[in-house]
Amino acid sequence: MIEKTKHNVWVFFARIRTKKKIKKLKQQLCDLSWHIHIEKMDEPQMVKQYKETESIIFMNQTILKGLQYV
């Protein structure tokens, strides 16, 4: 009983941390997108960072789906 409660509390806070991280990454993605499109620059570094941020968001969303309460 206590182990289930501990697990559920851990999952609760892990979900909050993951959601905050996703929100921050989406903002970063928006900023990169704005910079790439407004500047109309084809900087490979910016494009690479944009793609990496997209993949990190996907991984965090997958982690969020896996965090289940018992």
C-alpha atoms as a PDB file:
ATOM      1  CA  MET A   1       0.000   0.000   0.000  1.00  0.00           C
ATOM      2  CA  ILE A   2       2.735   2.456   0.987  1.00  0.00           C
ATOM      3  CA  GLU A   3       4.813   1.477  -2.057  1.00  0.00           C
ATOM      4  CA  LYS A   4       1.889   2.226  -4.376  1.00  0.00           C
ATOM      5  CA  THR A   5       1.409   5.602  -2.737  1.00  0.00           C
ATOM      6  CA  LYS A   6       5.118   6.407  -3.029  1.00  0.00           C
ATOM      7  CA  HIS A   7       5.063   5.383  -6.684  1.00  0.00           C
ATOM      8  CA  ASN A   8       1.986   7.494  -7.419  1.00  0.00           C
ATOM      9  CA  VAL A   9       3.534  10.536  -5.723  1.00  0.00           C
ATOM     10  CA  TRP A  10       6.729  10.046  -7.726  1.00  0.00           C
ATOM     11  CA  VAL A  11       4.722   9.713 -10.959  1.00  0.00           C
ATOM     12  CA  PHE A  12       2.722  12.842 -10.109  1.00  0.00           C
ATOM     13  CA  PHE A  13       5.831  14.991  -9.720  1.00  0.00           C
ATOM     14  CA  ALA A  14       7.614  13.354 -12.663  1.00  0.00           C
ATOM     15  CA  ARG A  15       4.624  14.188 -14.874  1.00  0.00           C
ATOM     16  CA  ILE A  16       4.720  17.815 -13.714  1.00  0.00           C
ATOM     17  CA  ARG A  17       8.472  18.079 -14.421  1.00  0.00           C
ATOM     18  CA  THR A  18       8.028  16.488 -17.846  1.00  0.00           C
ATOM     19  CA  LYS A  19       5.144  18.782 -18.781  1.00  0.00           C
ATOM     20  CA  LYS A  20       7.183  21.845 -17.773  1.00  0.00           C
ATOM     21  CA  LYS A  21      10.117  20.590 -19.813  1.00  0.00           C
ATOM     22  CA  ILE A  22       7.875  20.027 -22.857  1.00  0.00           C
ATOM     23  CA  LYS A  23       6.400  23.513 -22.506  1.00  0.00           C
ATOM     24  CA  LYS A  24       9.884  25.056 -22.322  1.00  0.00           C
ATOM     25  CA  LEU A  25      11.062  23.060 -25.341  1.00  0.00           C
ATOM     26  CA  LYS A  26       8.004  24.062 -27.384  1.00  0.00           C
ATOM     27  CA  GLN A  27       8.761  27.711 -26.617  1.00  0.00           C
ATOM     28  CA  GLN A  28      12.358  27.180 -27.705  1.00  0.00           C
ATOM     29  CA  LEU A  29      11.114  25.501 -30.882  1.00  0.00           C
ATOM     30  CA  CYS A  30       8.836  28.462 -31.576  1.00  0.00           C
ATOM     31  CA  ASP A  31      11.727  30.891 -31.088  1.00  0.00           C
ATOM     32  CA  LEU A  32      13.967  28.903 -33.431  1.00  0.00           C
ATOM     33  CA  SER A  33      11.215  28.688 -36.015  1.00  0.00           C
ATOM     34  CA  TRP A  34      10.665  32.429 -35.839  1.00  0.00           C
ATOM     35  CA  HIS A  35      14.373  33.108 -36.215  1.00  0.00           C
ATOM     36  CA  ILE A  36      14.785  30.740 -39.160  1.00  0.00           C
ATOM     37  CA  HIS A  37      11.745  32.053 -41.058  1.00  0.00           C
ATOM     38  CA  ILE A  38      12.039  35.770 -40.282  1.00  0.00           C
ATOM     39  CA  GLU A  39      15.737  35.987 -40.927  1.00  0.00           C
ATOM     40  CA  LYS A  40      15.283  33.789 -44.019  1.00  0.00           C
ATOM     41  CA  MET A  41      18.651  32.359 -43.291  1.00  0.00           C
ATOM     42  CA  ASP A  42      19.494  28.808 -44.030  1.00  0.00           C
ATOM     43  CA  GLU A  43      21.918  28.369 -41.184  1.00  0.00           C
ATOM     44  CA  PRO A  44      22.677  24.670 -40.823  1.00  0.00           C
ATOM     45  CA  GLN A  45      23.350  25.126 -37.095  1.00  0.00           C
ATOM     46  CA  MET A  46      19.882  26.596 -36.473  1.00  0.00           C
ATOM     47  CA  VAL A  47      18.168  23.950 -38.586  1.00  0.00           C
ATOM     48  CA  LYS A  48      20.084  21.212 -36.753  1.00  0.00           C
ATOM     49  CA  GLN A  49      19.092  22.677 -33.375  1.00  0.00           C
ATOM     50  CA  TYR A  50      15.460  22.903 -34.548  1.00  0.00           C
ATOM     51  CA  LYS A  51      15.420  19.211 -35.538  1.00  0.00           C
ATOM     52  CA  GLU A  52      17.081  18.175 -32.266  1.00  0.00           C
ATOM     53  CA  THR A  53      14.505  20.130 -30.266  1.00  0.00           C
ATOM     54  CA  GLU A  54      11.682  18.437 -32.186  1.00  0.00           C
ATOM     55  CA  SER A  55      13.106  15.005 -31.387  1.00  0.00           C
ATOM     56  CA  ILE A  56      13.586  15.868 -27.692  1.00  0.00           C
ATOM     57  CA  ILE A  57       9.951  17.011 -27.488  1.00  0.00           C
ATOM     58  CA  PHE A  58       8.854  13.720 -29.049  1.00  0.00           C
ATOM     59  CA  MET A  59      10.923  11.730 -26.540  1.00  0.00           C
ATOM     60  CA  ASN A  60       9.492  13.672 -23.597  1.00  0.00           C
ATOM     61  CA  GLN A  61       5.942  13.186 -24.851  1.00  0.00           C
ATOM     62  CA  THR A  62       6.620   9.448 -25.097  1.00  0.00           C
ATOM     63  CA  ILE A  63       7.994   9.431 -21.550  1.00  0.00           C
ATOM     64  CA  LEU A  64       4.899  11.309 -20.374  1.00  0.00           C
ATOM     65  CA  LYS A  65       2.657   8.633 -21.885  1.00  0.00           C
ATOM     66  CA  GLY A  66       4.642   5.958 -20.068  1.00  0.00           C
ATOM     67  CA  LEU A  67       4.286   7.518 -16.621  1.00  0.00           C
ATOM     68  CA  GLN A  68       1.260   5.651 -15.341  1.00  0.00           C
ATOM     69  CA  TYR A  69      -0.321   5.607 -11.916  1.00  0.00           C
ATOM     70  CA  VAL A  70      -0.711   2.237 -10.160  1.00  0.00           C
END
